[in-house]
Amino acid sequence: MPKFKILNKQIFKDYNLILKPISKVDIEKIRIWRNSQTSFLRQSKIISKEEQLHYFNNIIYPNFNLDNPKMILFSFFDKISEKLLGYGGYVHIDWINKTSEVSFLCDTKIMNDSQKYKSHFIDFMKIIINISREENLFNCLYSETFSFRKNHIQYLESVGYTRFGIKKLAKSHNDEIYSSFLHQIKI
C-alpha cells in the first residue's frame, strides 16, 4: 500500500467508510467514473487509459514522498464489504495559508442513487474534516460546486460548510451556463 510521508496515520476507519491512500489498482475505475460524470466535474474531455496512467505516475504518485504535497488523495471503501466506492481528498493545497480544496467522486451507480450518495458524501466529508484536525493539516477547507447541484450543496452545508463566494458563468451544461458556489469550513 502506498503511504503519504506527511501523514502519521495512513488508514482511516470512521462512520461507514475506510479511507486509504489512493492506489494504482483503483485508477481504471476512477477513470471510468470521471468520464461518465464530466457534467459535474471541471473536466472538459474524456480521459484515455494512457492519460490516466500518465497523470497518476507523474502528478499524483510523486506527492507521496513530499513534505508538502500538492494533493493528498484517498480511495474510499465500504467499511463492511471493503468494496471501492470512490476517491477524493485534499487538492490545490496551499501550505503557507494551510488551506485545501476538498475533492470527492464516487461510483456512478452511487451517484445515481440519491440516498447512498448523500450517506457516502456526508461520511466522507466528516472523515476528511477529522483527518485535517487529527493530522493538524489545514486551518480551512473549501469546495467549489456548480449551482445546479442543489443536493450536493445542501449536503456540504449539513456538515458545516458555509458559502463564501460565487463564480459567475462557470460552466456550460446542457446548453445552459451555470455559476459555481464556493463553500468553506474553518478547522
N, C-alpha and C. Protein backbone atom coordinates (compact mmCIF):
# COMPACT_ATOMS: atom_id res chain seq x y z
N MET A 1 0.85 -1.18 0.00
CA MET A 1 0.00 0.00 0.00
C MET A 1 0.89 1.24 0.00
N PRO A 2 0.60 2.20 -0.88
CA PRO A 2 1.37 3.45 -0.87
C PRO A 2 1.10 4.23 0.41
N LYS A 3 2.06 5.06 0.80
CA LYS A 3 1.93 5.85 2.03
C LYS A 3 2.30 7.29 1.76
N PHE A 4 1.53 8.21 2.35
CA PHE A 4 1.86 9.63 2.30
C PHE A 4 2.81 9.94 3.44
N LYS A 5 4.00 10.43 3.10
CA LYS A 5 5.02 10.78 4.08
C LYS A 5 4.48 11.76 5.12
N ILE A 6 3.63 12.67 4.70
CA ILE A 6 3.14 13.72 5.59
C ILE A 6 2.16 13.22 6.64
N LEU A 7 1.53 12.07 6.42
CA LEU A 7 0.51 11.57 7.34
C LEU A 7 1.10 10.63 8.38
N ASN A 8 0.73 10.82 9.63
CA ASN A 8 1.14 9.90 10.69
C ASN A 8 0.39 8.58 10.57
N LYS A 9 -0.87 8.68 10.21
CA LYS A 9 -1.75 7.52 10.07
C LYS A 9 -2.11 7.40 8.59
N GLN A 10 -2.22 6.19 8.07
CA GLN A 10 -2.49 6.01 6.63
C GLN A 10 -3.89 5.50 6.35
N ILE A 11 -4.50 4.80 7.28
CA ILE A 11 -5.83 4.24 7.08
C ILE A 11 -6.77 4.85 8.12
N PHE A 12 -7.91 5.32 7.62
CA PHE A 12 -8.88 5.98 8.48
C PHE A 12 -10.21 5.25 8.35
N LYS A 13 -10.69 4.71 9.48
CA LYS A 13 -11.96 3.98 9.52
C LYS A 13 -12.90 4.76 10.42
N ASP A 14 -13.95 5.24 9.84
CA ASP A 14 -14.93 6.00 10.61
C ASP A 14 -16.26 5.96 9.89
N TYR A 15 -17.32 6.17 10.63
CA TYR A 15 -18.66 6.12 10.07
C TYR A 15 -18.80 4.81 9.30
N ASN A 16 -19.18 4.84 8.03
CA ASN A 16 -19.34 3.61 7.25
C ASN A 16 -18.25 3.43 6.20
N LEU A 17 -17.14 4.16 6.35
CA LEU A 17 -16.11 4.15 5.31
C LEU A 17 -14.73 3.81 5.86
N ILE A 18 -13.88 3.38 4.93
CA ILE A 18 -12.45 3.22 5.16
C ILE A 18 -11.75 4.06 4.10
N LEU A 19 -10.84 4.94 4.51
CA LEU A 19 -10.05 5.72 3.56
C LEU A 19 -8.61 5.24 3.61
N LYS A 20 -8.03 5.01 2.42
CA LYS A 20 -6.64 4.59 2.29
C LYS A 20 -6.01 5.43 1.20
N PRO A 21 -4.69 5.66 1.25
CA PRO A 21 -4.05 6.40 0.15
C PRO A 21 -4.39 5.75 -1.19
N ILE A 22 -4.64 6.59 -2.17
CA ILE A 22 -5.06 6.12 -3.49
C ILE A 22 -4.03 5.15 -4.06
N SER A 23 -4.52 4.10 -4.70
CA SER A 23 -3.66 3.03 -5.19
C SER A 23 -3.82 2.83 -6.70
N LYS A 24 -2.78 2.34 -7.33
CA LYS A 24 -2.83 2.10 -8.79
C LYS A 24 -3.93 1.13 -9.18
N VAL A 25 -4.28 0.21 -8.30
CA VAL A 25 -5.32 -0.76 -8.65
C VAL A 25 -6.69 -0.11 -8.83
N ASP A 26 -6.85 1.12 -8.34
CA ASP A 26 -8.13 1.81 -8.41
C ASP A 26 -8.27 2.76 -9.60
N ILE A 27 -7.18 3.05 -10.29
CA ILE A 27 -7.21 4.16 -11.24
C ILE A 27 -8.08 3.93 -12.47
N GLU A 28 -8.25 2.70 -12.90
CA GLU A 28 -9.10 2.47 -14.07
C GLU A 28 -10.58 2.70 -13.73
N LYS A 29 -11.01 2.24 -12.57
CA LYS A 29 -12.39 2.51 -12.16
C LYS A 29 -12.61 4.02 -12.01
N ILE A 30 -11.64 4.69 -11.43
CA ILE A 30 -11.74 6.15 -11.26
C ILE A 30 -11.85 6.83 -12.61
N ARG A 31 -11.06 6.39 -13.58
CA ARG A 31 -11.12 6.98 -14.93
C ARG A 31 -12.51 6.81 -15.53
N ILE A 32 -13.07 5.63 -15.41
CA ILE A 32 -14.41 5.36 -15.95
C ILE A 32 -15.45 6.25 -15.27
N TRP A 33 -15.36 6.36 -13.94
CA TRP A 33 -16.31 7.21 -13.21
C TRP A 33 -16.16 8.67 -13.64
N ARG A 34 -14.93 9.14 -13.75
CA ARG A 34 -14.71 10.55 -14.14
C ARG A 34 -15.30 10.80 -15.53
N ASN A 35 -15.05 9.88 -16.45
CA ASN A 35 -15.55 10.06 -17.81
C ASN A 35 -17.07 10.03 -17.88
N SER A 36 -17.70 9.31 -16.98
CA SER A 36 -19.17 9.23 -17.02
C SER A 36 -19.83 10.39 -16.26
N GLN A 37 -19.03 11.19 -15.56
CA GLN A 37 -19.59 12.27 -14.75
C GLN A 37 -19.01 13.64 -15.09
N THR A 38 -18.60 13.82 -16.33
CA THR A 38 -17.95 15.09 -16.71
C THR A 38 -18.86 16.29 -16.50
N SER A 39 -20.16 16.12 -16.53
CA SER A 39 -21.06 17.26 -16.35
C SER A 39 -20.96 17.86 -14.95
N PHE A 40 -20.45 17.10 -13.97
CA PHE A 40 -20.32 17.60 -12.60
C PHE A 40 -18.90 18.05 -12.28
N LEU A 41 -17.96 17.72 -13.15
CA LEU A 41 -16.55 17.95 -12.86
C LEU A 41 -16.00 19.11 -13.68
N ARG A 42 -14.86 19.59 -13.26
CA ARG A 42 -14.15 20.59 -14.05
C ARG A 42 -13.20 19.83 -14.99
N GLN A 43 -13.78 18.93 -15.74
CA GLN A 43 -13.05 18.09 -16.69
C GLN A 43 -13.72 18.31 -18.04
N SER A 44 -12.96 18.76 -19.01
CA SER A 44 -13.57 19.15 -20.29
C SER A 44 -13.53 18.07 -21.36
N LYS A 45 -12.78 16.99 -21.12
CA LYS A 45 -12.70 15.95 -22.15
C LYS A 45 -12.62 14.57 -21.52
N ILE A 46 -12.85 13.57 -22.34
CA ILE A 46 -12.75 12.18 -21.90
C ILE A 46 -11.26 11.84 -21.70
N ILE A 47 -10.97 11.13 -20.63
CA ILE A 47 -9.60 10.75 -20.30
C ILE A 47 -9.33 9.33 -20.81
N SER A 48 -8.25 9.16 -21.56
CA SER A 48 -7.87 7.83 -22.05
C SER A 48 -7.13 7.06 -20.95
N LYS A 49 -6.98 5.74 -21.15
CA LYS A 49 -6.23 4.93 -20.19
C LYS A 49 -4.80 5.43 -20.07
N GLU A 50 -4.21 5.78 -21.20
CA GLU A 50 -2.82 6.26 -21.21
C GLU A 50 -2.70 7.59 -20.46
N GLU A 51 -3.64 8.49 -20.69
CA GLU A 51 -3.61 9.78 -19.99
C GLU A 51 -3.77 9.60 -18.49
N GLN A 52 -4.66 8.69 -18.10
CA GLN A 52 -4.89 8.43 -16.68
C GLN A 52 -3.63 7.88 -16.03
N LEU A 53 -3.01 6.90 -16.66
CA LEU A 53 -1.79 6.32 -16.12
C LEU A 53 -0.67 7.36 -16.02
N HIS A 54 -0.52 8.16 -17.05
CA HIS A 54 0.49 9.22 -17.06
C HIS A 54 0.23 10.21 -15.92
N TYR A 55 -1.01 10.61 -15.74
CA TYR A 55 -1.36 11.57 -14.69
C TYR A 55 -1.04 11.00 -13.31
N PHE A 56 -1.41 9.76 -13.07
CA PHE A 56 -1.14 9.17 -11.76
C PHE A 56 0.36 8.99 -11.54
N ASN A 57 1.07 8.49 -12.54
CA ASN A 57 2.51 8.26 -12.38
C ASN A 57 3.31 9.54 -12.22
N ASN A 58 2.92 10.59 -12.95
CA ASN A 58 3.73 11.81 -12.99
C ASN A 58 3.22 12.96 -12.14
N ILE A 59 1.95 12.94 -11.77
CA ILE A 59 1.39 14.04 -10.98
C ILE A 59 1.01 13.57 -9.57
N ILE A 60 0.25 12.51 -9.48
CA ILE A 60 -0.26 12.09 -8.16
C ILE A 60 0.80 11.37 -7.33
N TYR A 61 1.41 10.31 -7.86
CA TYR A 61 2.29 9.49 -7.04
C TYR A 61 3.54 10.20 -6.53
N PRO A 62 4.12 11.16 -7.23
CA PRO A 62 5.26 11.88 -6.63
C PRO A 62 4.91 12.59 -5.32
N ASN A 63 3.64 12.88 -5.10
CA ASN A 63 3.22 13.57 -3.88
C ASN A 63 3.36 12.71 -2.62
N PHE A 64 3.42 11.41 -2.76
CA PHE A 64 3.51 10.53 -1.61
C PHE A 64 4.76 10.80 -0.77
N ASN A 65 5.85 11.17 -1.42
CA ASN A 65 7.13 11.33 -0.72
C ASN A 65 7.47 12.77 -0.38
N LEU A 66 6.54 13.70 -0.59
CA LEU A 66 6.83 15.11 -0.34
C LEU A 66 6.43 15.53 1.07
N ASP A 67 7.21 16.45 1.65
CA ASP A 67 6.85 17.04 2.93
C ASP A 67 5.62 17.94 2.79
N ASN A 68 5.49 18.58 1.64
CA ASN A 68 4.36 19.47 1.36
C ASN A 68 3.75 19.09 0.01
N PRO A 69 2.99 18.01 -0.01
CA PRO A 69 2.42 17.57 -1.30
C PRO A 69 1.40 18.57 -1.85
N LYS A 70 1.19 18.51 -3.15
CA LYS A 70 0.20 19.37 -3.81
C LYS A 70 -1.19 18.79 -3.66
N MET A 71 -1.25 17.50 -3.38
CA MET A 71 -2.53 16.83 -3.17
C MET A 71 -2.32 15.59 -2.30
N ILE A 72 -3.37 15.24 -1.57
CA ILE A 72 -3.39 14.03 -0.75
C ILE A 72 -4.71 13.35 -1.09
N LEU A 73 -4.65 12.26 -1.83
CA LEU A 73 -5.86 11.61 -2.31
C LEU A 73 -6.03 10.22 -1.70
N PHE A 74 -7.29 9.90 -1.42
CA PHE A 74 -7.64 8.63 -0.82
C PHE A 74 -8.65 7.89 -1.70
N SER A 75 -8.53 6.59 -1.73
CA SER A 75 -9.63 5.74 -2.21
C SER A 75 -10.49 5.49 -0.98
N PHE A 76 -11.81 5.44 -1.17
CA PHE A 76 -12.63 5.10 -0.02
C PHE A 76 -13.50 3.89 -0.32
N PHE A 77 -13.70 3.10 0.73
CA PHE A 77 -14.30 1.78 0.64
C PHE A 77 -15.43 1.65 1.66
N ASP A 78 -16.36 0.76 1.35
CA ASP A 78 -17.40 0.40 2.31
C ASP A 78 -16.73 -0.30 3.49
N LYS A 79 -17.08 0.09 4.68
CA LYS A 79 -16.43 -0.44 5.89
C LYS A 79 -16.66 -1.94 6.07
N ILE A 80 -17.79 -2.44 5.61
CA ILE A 80 -18.10 -3.86 5.80
C ILE A 80 -17.59 -4.71 4.63
N SER A 81 -18.00 -4.37 3.41
CA SER A 81 -17.63 -5.19 2.25
C SER A 81 -16.24 -4.87 1.71
N GLU A 82 -15.70 -3.71 2.08
CA GLU A 82 -14.43 -3.19 1.58
C GLU A 82 -14.44 -2.98 0.07
N LYS A 83 -15.63 -2.80 -0.51
CA LYS A 83 -15.77 -2.50 -1.93
C LYS A 83 -15.39 -1.04 -2.18
N LEU A 84 -14.63 -0.81 -3.25
CA LEU A 84 -14.26 0.56 -3.63
C LEU A 84 -15.52 1.34 -3.99
N LEU A 85 -15.70 2.50 -3.37
CA LEU A 85 -16.87 3.34 -3.61
C LEU A 85 -16.53 4.63 -4.34
N GLY A 86 -15.28 5.11 -4.18
CA GLY A 86 -14.90 6.37 -4.81
C GLY A 86 -13.53 6.82 -4.36
N TYR A 87 -13.26 8.09 -4.63
CA TYR A 87 -11.99 8.66 -4.20
C TYR A 87 -12.16 10.15 -3.98
N GLY A 88 -11.20 10.72 -3.30
CA GLY A 88 -11.21 12.16 -3.05
C GLY A 88 -10.15 12.50 -2.04
N GLY A 89 -10.14 13.75 -1.66
CA GLY A 89 -9.16 14.19 -0.68
C GLY A 89 -8.86 15.66 -0.82
N TYR A 90 -7.62 16.00 -0.52
CA TYR A 90 -7.17 17.38 -0.49
C TYR A 90 -6.44 17.71 -1.80
N VAL A 91 -6.89 18.75 -2.47
CA VAL A 91 -6.27 19.20 -3.72
C VAL A 91 -6.07 20.71 -3.67
N HIS A 92 -5.27 21.23 -4.57
CA HIS A 92 -4.97 22.68 -4.60
C HIS A 92 -4.55 23.15 -3.20
N ILE A 93 -3.64 22.41 -2.62
CA ILE A 93 -3.18 22.69 -1.25
C ILE A 93 -2.31 23.94 -1.24
N ASP A 94 -2.57 24.80 -0.27
CA ASP A 94 -1.75 26.00 -0.02
C ASP A 94 -1.16 25.83 1.38
N TRP A 95 0.10 25.40 1.45
CA TRP A 95 0.72 25.10 2.74
C TRP A 95 1.03 26.37 3.52
N ILE A 96 1.25 27.48 2.84
CA ILE A 96 1.53 28.73 3.55
C ILE A 96 0.32 29.15 4.37
N ASN A 97 -0.86 29.12 3.75
CA ASN A 97 -2.09 29.51 4.43
C ASN A 97 -2.84 28.35 5.07
N LYS A 98 -2.30 27.14 4.90
CA LYS A 98 -2.91 25.91 5.45
C LYS A 98 -4.36 25.75 5.02
N THR A 99 -4.59 25.86 3.70
CA THR A 99 -5.92 25.66 3.12
C THR A 99 -5.85 24.59 2.04
N SER A 100 -7.00 23.98 1.78
CA SER A 100 -7.08 22.99 0.72
C SER A 100 -8.51 22.90 0.21
N GLU A 101 -8.61 22.68 -1.11
CA GLU A 101 -9.91 22.32 -1.66
C GLU A 101 -10.11 20.83 -1.39
N VAL A 102 -11.36 20.44 -1.20
CA VAL A 102 -11.68 19.03 -0.99
C VAL A 102 -12.35 18.51 -2.25
N SER A 103 -11.86 17.37 -2.74
CA SER A 103 -12.47 16.73 -3.91
C SER A 103 -13.18 15.47 -3.47
N PHE A 104 -14.18 15.08 -4.27
CA PHE A 104 -14.97 13.87 -3.98
C PHE A 104 -15.56 13.37 -5.28
N LEU A 105 -15.40 12.09 -5.54
CA LEU A 105 -16.06 11.45 -6.68
C LEU A 105 -16.35 10.01 -6.29
N CYS A 106 -17.55 9.56 -6.61
CA CYS A 106 -17.91 8.18 -6.27
C CYS A 106 -18.36 7.42 -7.52
N ASP A 107 -18.49 6.14 -7.33
CA ASP A 107 -19.00 5.24 -8.35
C ASP A 107 -20.27 5.86 -8.95
N THR A 108 -20.40 5.80 -10.27
CA THR A 108 -21.54 6.40 -10.96
C THR A 108 -22.86 5.79 -10.48
N LYS A 109 -22.86 4.50 -10.14
CA LYS A 109 -24.09 3.88 -9.62
C LYS A 109 -24.52 4.53 -8.32
N ILE A 110 -23.57 4.86 -7.48
CA ILE A 110 -23.88 5.55 -6.22
C ILE A 110 -24.35 6.97 -6.52
N MET A 111 -23.69 7.61 -7.45
CA MET A 111 -24.06 8.99 -7.83
C MET A 111 -25.53 9.05 -8.24
N ASN A 112 -26.01 8.01 -8.87
CA ASN A 112 -27.39 7.97 -9.35
C ASN A 112 -28.40 7.49 -8.30
N ASP A 113 -27.93 7.16 -7.11
CA ASP A 113 -28.79 6.74 -6.01
C ASP A 113 -28.69 7.81 -4.92
N SER A 114 -29.66 8.71 -4.86
CA SER A 114 -29.54 9.90 -4.01
C SER A 114 -29.30 9.58 -2.54
N GLN A 115 -29.91 8.53 -2.02
CA GLN A 115 -29.72 8.20 -0.60
C GLN A 115 -28.31 7.69 -0.32
N LYS A 116 -27.82 6.79 -1.18
CA LYS A 116 -26.45 6.29 -0.99
C LYS A 116 -25.44 7.41 -1.18
N TYR A 117 -25.68 8.24 -2.20
CA TYR A 117 -24.76 9.35 -2.45
C TYR A 117 -24.69 10.27 -1.23
N LYS A 118 -25.84 10.64 -0.70
CA LYS A 118 -25.88 11.53 0.46
C LYS A 118 -25.12 10.92 1.63
N SER A 119 -25.38 9.66 1.92
CA SER A 119 -24.74 8.98 3.04
C SER A 119 -23.22 8.94 2.88
N HIS A 120 -22.74 8.51 1.71
CA HIS A 120 -21.29 8.38 1.49
C HIS A 120 -20.62 9.75 1.45
N PHE A 121 -21.27 10.72 0.84
CA PHE A 121 -20.69 12.06 0.75
C PHE A 121 -20.53 12.67 2.14
N ILE A 122 -21.58 12.61 2.94
CA ILE A 122 -21.52 13.19 4.28
C ILE A 122 -20.48 12.47 5.14
N ASP A 123 -20.46 11.13 5.09
CA ASP A 123 -19.45 10.38 5.85
C ASP A 123 -18.04 10.76 5.40
N PHE A 124 -17.82 10.85 4.09
CA PHE A 124 -16.51 11.20 3.57
C PHE A 124 -16.09 12.58 4.06
N MET A 125 -16.98 13.56 3.96
CA MET A 125 -16.65 14.92 4.38
C MET A 125 -16.32 14.98 5.87
N LYS A 126 -17.07 14.27 6.68
CA LYS A 126 -16.79 14.25 8.12
C LYS A 126 -15.40 13.66 8.39
N ILE A 127 -15.06 12.59 7.69
CA ILE A 127 -13.74 11.96 7.88
C ILE A 127 -12.64 12.91 7.41
N ILE A 128 -12.82 13.57 6.28
CA ILE A 128 -11.81 14.50 5.76
C ILE A 128 -11.58 15.65 6.75
N ILE A 129 -12.65 16.16 7.34
CA ILE A 129 -12.52 17.21 8.35
C ILE A 129 -11.75 16.66 9.56
N ASN A 130 -12.10 15.45 10.00
CA ASN A 130 -11.42 14.84 11.14
C ASN A 130 -9.94 14.60 10.86
N ILE A 131 -9.60 14.12 9.66
CA ILE A 131 -8.20 13.89 9.31
C ILE A 131 -7.44 15.20 9.38
N SER A 132 -8.02 16.25 8.85
CA SER A 132 -7.36 17.55 8.87
C SER A 132 -7.07 18.00 10.30
N ARG A 133 -8.02 17.77 11.20
CA ARG A 133 -7.83 18.14 12.61
C ARG A 133 -6.79 17.24 13.27
N GLU A 134 -6.97 15.92 13.14
CA GLU A 134 -6.09 14.96 13.82
C GLU A 134 -4.64 15.06 13.35
N GLU A 135 -4.46 15.28 12.06
CA GLU A 135 -3.11 15.34 11.49
C GLU A 135 -2.57 16.78 11.48
N ASN A 136 -3.37 17.73 11.97
CA ASN A 136 -3.01 19.14 12.01
C ASN A 136 -2.54 19.64 10.63
N LEU A 137 -3.38 19.37 9.61
CA LEU A 137 -3.01 19.71 8.24
C LEU A 137 -3.44 21.11 7.83
N PHE A 138 -4.72 21.44 8.01
CA PHE A 138 -5.27 22.66 7.44
C PHE A 138 -6.10 23.45 8.45
N ASN A 139 -6.14 24.77 8.24
CA ASN A 139 -6.99 25.65 9.03
C ASN A 139 -8.36 25.84 8.39
N CYS A 140 -8.41 25.61 7.07
CA CYS A 140 -9.65 25.85 6.34
C CYS A 140 -9.71 24.91 5.14
N LEU A 141 -10.87 24.32 4.93
CA LEU A 141 -11.13 23.51 3.74
C LEU A 141 -12.19 24.23 2.93
N TYR A 142 -12.11 24.08 1.60
CA TYR A 142 -13.12 24.72 0.75
C TYR A 142 -13.54 23.80 -0.37
N SER A 143 -14.63 24.17 -1.02
CA SER A 143 -15.20 23.37 -2.10
C SER A 143 -15.81 24.31 -3.13
N GLU A 144 -15.78 23.89 -4.38
CA GLU A 144 -16.45 24.61 -5.47
C GLU A 144 -17.47 23.66 -6.08
N THR A 145 -18.71 24.10 -6.16
CA THR A 145 -19.81 23.26 -6.62
C THR A 145 -20.67 24.01 -7.62
N PHE A 146 -20.95 23.40 -8.76
CA PHE A 146 -21.82 24.02 -9.74
C PHE A 146 -23.21 24.22 -9.16
N SER A 147 -23.82 25.36 -9.47
CA SER A 147 -25.08 25.77 -8.85
C SER A 147 -26.23 24.80 -9.11
N PHE A 148 -26.17 24.02 -10.18
CA PHE A 148 -27.27 23.08 -10.45
C PHE A 148 -27.23 21.85 -9.55
N ARG A 149 -26.19 21.70 -8.75
CA ARG A 149 -26.06 20.55 -7.84
C ARG A 149 -26.63 20.90 -6.47
N LYS A 150 -27.89 21.17 -6.43
CA LYS A 150 -28.54 21.67 -5.21
C LYS A 150 -28.43 20.70 -4.03
N ASN A 151 -28.61 19.41 -4.26
CA ASN A 151 -28.49 18.44 -3.17
C ASN A 151 -27.07 18.40 -2.63
N HIS A 152 -26.10 18.41 -3.52
CA HIS A 152 -24.69 18.39 -3.12
C HIS A 152 -24.38 19.60 -2.22
N ILE A 153 -24.88 20.75 -2.60
CA ILE A 153 -24.69 21.97 -1.81
C ILE A 153 -25.34 21.81 -0.43
N GLN A 154 -26.53 21.26 -0.40
CA GLN A 154 -27.23 21.04 0.87
C GLN A 154 -26.42 20.10 1.77
N TYR A 155 -25.84 19.04 1.20
CA TYR A 155 -25.05 18.09 1.99
C TYR A 155 -23.80 18.75 2.54
N LEU A 156 -23.13 19.58 1.72
CA LEU A 156 -21.95 20.32 2.20
C LEU A 156 -22.31 21.17 3.41
N GLU A 157 -23.40 21.89 3.29
CA GLU A 157 -23.82 22.79 4.36
C GLU A 157 -24.25 22.01 5.60
N SER A 158 -24.74 20.79 5.42
CA SER A 158 -25.17 19.98 6.58
C SER A 158 -23.99 19.53 7.44
N VAL A 159 -22.76 19.51 6.90
CA VAL A 159 -21.59 19.13 7.70
C VAL A 159 -20.79 20.36 8.16
N GLY A 160 -21.34 21.55 7.93
CA GLY A 160 -20.72 22.75 8.49
C GLY A 160 -20.07 23.71 7.52
N TYR A 161 -20.07 23.39 6.23
CA TYR A 161 -19.52 24.32 5.25
C TYR A 161 -20.47 25.51 5.09
N THR A 162 -19.91 26.70 4.92
CA THR A 162 -20.71 27.90 4.67
C THR A 162 -20.29 28.52 3.34
N ARG A 163 -21.25 29.10 2.67
CA ARG A 163 -20.98 29.74 1.38
C ARG A 163 -20.22 31.03 1.60
N PHE A 164 -19.13 31.22 0.82
CA PHE A 164 -18.37 32.45 0.96
C PHE A 164 -18.14 33.16 -0.37
N GLY A 165 -18.61 32.59 -1.47
CA GLY A 165 -18.41 33.25 -2.74
C GLY A 165 -19.13 32.55 -3.87
N ILE A 166 -19.08 33.19 -5.01
CA ILE A 166 -19.72 32.65 -6.22
C ILE A 166 -18.85 33.00 -7.41
N LYS A 167 -18.74 32.05 -8.34
CA LYS A 167 -18.09 32.29 -9.63
C LYS A 167 -19.19 32.31 -10.67
N LYS A 168 -19.36 33.42 -11.31
CA LYS A 168 -20.43 33.53 -12.31
C LYS A 168 -19.97 32.96 -13.63
N LEU A 169 -20.90 32.40 -14.37
CA LEU A 169 -20.65 31.84 -15.70
C LEU A 169 -19.53 30.82 -15.68
N ALA A 170 -19.60 29.92 -14.73
CA ALA A 170 -18.53 28.95 -14.51
C ALA A 170 -18.51 27.81 -15.52
N LYS A 171 -19.68 27.37 -15.98
CA LYS A 171 -19.70 26.18 -16.83
C LYS A 171 -20.96 26.15 -17.67
N SER A 172 -20.80 25.63 -18.87
CA SER A 172 -21.95 25.37 -19.71
C SER A 172 -22.32 23.91 -19.56
N HIS A 173 -23.57 23.65 -19.26
CA HIS A 173 -24.04 22.28 -19.05
C HIS A 173 -25.42 22.17 -19.70
N ASN A 174 -25.57 21.20 -20.56
CA ASN A 174 -26.85 21.03 -21.27
C ASN A 174 -27.28 22.33 -21.95
N ASP A 175 -26.32 23.01 -22.59
CA ASP A 175 -26.56 24.26 -23.30
C ASP A 175 -27.00 25.41 -22.39
N GLU A 176 -26.73 25.30 -21.11
CA GLU A 176 -27.01 26.39 -20.17
C GLU A 176 -25.72 26.74 -19.45
N ILE A 177 -25.63 27.98 -19.01
CA ILE A 177 -24.45 28.41 -18.27
C ILE A 177 -24.81 28.51 -16.80
N TYR A 178 -23.94 27.97 -15.96
CA TYR A 178 -24.17 27.94 -14.52
C TYR A 178 -23.03 28.64 -13.80
N SER A 179 -23.35 29.13 -12.64
CA SER A 179 -22.33 29.64 -11.72
C SER A 179 -21.88 28.49 -10.84
N SER A 180 -20.84 28.73 -10.08
CA SER A 180 -20.45 27.76 -9.06
C SER A 180 -20.35 28.47 -7.72
N PHE A 181 -20.70 27.74 -6.67
CA PHE A 181 -20.67 28.28 -5.32
C PHE A 181 -19.41 27.81 -4.61
N LEU A 182 -18.81 28.70 -3.85
CA LEU A 182 -17.65 28.39 -3.05
C LEU A 182 -18.09 28.27 -1.60
N HIS A 183 -17.71 27.16 -0.98
CA HIS A 183 -18.02 26.92 0.44
C HIS A 183 -16.72 26.68 1.19
N GLN A 184 -16.73 26.97 2.48
CA GLN A 184 -15.55 26.72 3.31
C GLN A 184 -15.99 26.27 4.69
N ILE A 185 -15.05 25.63 5.35
CA ILE A 185 -15.24 25.28 6.75
C ILE A 185 -13.91 25.54 7.46
N LYS A 186 -13.99 26.24 8.56
CA LYS A 186 -12.80 26.52 9.38
C LYS A 186 -12.55 25.31 10.28
N ILE A 187 -11.29 24.95 10.38
CA ILE A 187 -10.91 23.77 11.17
C ILE A 187 -10.35 24.23 12.51
